[in-house]
Amino acid sequence: MALNMKAAAAAAMEAGQPEEEEIAPEMLAVIAAAVTAFLGANHSIRSARMLQSPDAAVSRWTRQGRASVLASHNLPSKR
């Protein structure tokens, strides 16, 4: 299993994907406080990771294709 993880990490680096950023301890404290306030004191956070913004994860071609598909669903309004 560890060998597969190393191979996947090497492939991601070759593909130009950035390595995961480390989350600041202050941000983890804020997340923990929000979880405690919302769910109560008996919950714990097992893991946290940064997500890419939707604009960075989707190419322009993909966004344009989705826009044209959504535009094709517009029905004429009844008067």
Protein backbone atom coordinates (compact mmCIF):
# COMPACT_ATOMS: atom_id res chain seq x y z
CA MET A 1 0.00 0.00 0.00
CA ALA A 2 2.80 2.41 0.85
CA LEU A 3 4.40 1.70 -2.51
CA ASN A 4 1.19 2.71 -4.31
CA MET A 5 1.07 5.97 -2.34
CA LYS A 6 4.65 6.80 -3.32
CA ALA A 7 3.91 6.04 -6.97
CA ALA A 8 0.79 8.23 -6.86
CA ALA A 9 2.76 11.08 -5.27
CA ALA A 10 5.47 10.79 -7.91
CA ALA A 11 2.86 10.80 -10.70
CA ALA A 12 1.19 13.88 -9.21
CA MET A 13 4.49 15.72 -9.08
CA GLU A 14 5.22 14.85 -12.72
CA ALA A 15 1.75 16.05 -13.73
CA GLY A 16 2.48 19.45 -12.21
CA GLN A 17 0.06 19.21 -9.30
CA PRO A 18 1.25 21.14 -6.26
CA GLU A 19 2.01 19.30 -3.05
CA GLU A 20 -0.60 19.67 -0.30
CA GLU A 21 -0.16 22.75 1.85
CA GLU A 22 0.12 22.40 5.59
CA ILE A 23 -2.73 23.97 7.54
CA ALA A 24 -1.68 26.52 10.15
CA PRO A 25 -2.29 25.56 13.78
CA GLU A 26 -4.38 28.72 14.24
CA MET A 27 -6.72 27.62 11.44
CA LEU A 28 -7.08 24.16 13.00
CA ALA A 29 -7.99 25.83 16.31
CA VAL A 30 -10.67 27.90 14.56
CA ILE A 31 -12.08 24.79 12.85
CA ALA A 32 -12.08 22.89 16.15
CA ALA A 33 -13.90 25.76 17.88
CA ALA A 34 -16.54 25.88 15.14
CA VAL A 35 -17.09 22.12 15.31
CA THR A 36 -17.36 22.26 19.10
CA ALA A 37 -19.84 25.16 18.95
CA PHE A 38 -21.98 23.42 16.36
CA LEU A 39 -21.86 19.75 17.42
CA GLY A 40 -20.88 19.86 21.09
CA ALA A 41 -17.80 18.96 23.09
CA ASN A 42 -17.72 15.21 22.40
CA HIS A 43 -16.50 15.41 18.80
CA SER A 44 -13.00 15.37 17.37
CA ILE A 45 -11.46 16.27 14.04
CA ARG A 46 -9.57 13.36 12.51
CA SER A 47 -8.14 15.11 9.49
CA ALA A 48 -8.25 18.39 7.59
CA ARG A 49 -6.91 19.39 4.21
CA MET A 50 -7.04 22.40 1.94
CA LEU A 51 -9.23 22.15 -1.16
CA GLN A 52 -8.58 23.80 -4.48
CA SER A 53 -10.79 26.66 -5.50
CA PRO A 54 -13.37 25.68 -8.14
CA ASP A 55 -11.73 28.02 -10.66
CA ALA A 56 -8.34 26.33 -10.30
CA ALA A 57 -9.72 22.80 -10.53
CA VAL A 58 -11.78 23.27 -13.71
CA SER A 59 -10.34 24.26 -17.06
CA ARG A 60 -11.81 27.00 -19.24
CA TRP A 61 -12.96 24.45 -21.83
CA THR A 62 -14.87 22.56 -19.17
CA ARG A 63 -16.55 25.70 -17.83
CA GLN A 64 -17.55 26.80 -21.34
CA GLY A 65 -18.98 23.38 -22.12
CA ARG A 66 -21.05 23.39 -18.95
CA ALA A 67 -22.30 26.91 -19.68
CA SER A 68 -23.46 25.93 -23.17
CA VAL A 69 -25.25 22.84 -21.84
CA LEU A 70 -27.01 24.88 -19.15
CA ALA A 71 -27.95 27.57 -21.69
CA SER A 72 -29.49 24.95 -23.96
CA HIS A 73 -31.94 24.03 -21.19
CA ASN A 74 -33.56 27.47 -21.11
CA LEU A 75 -37.19 27.10 -22.09
CA PRO A 76 -39.21 29.92 -23.63
CA SER A 77 -41.42 31.63 -21.12
CA LYS A 78 -45.20 31.61 -21.53
CA ARG A 79 -46.87 34.98 -21.74
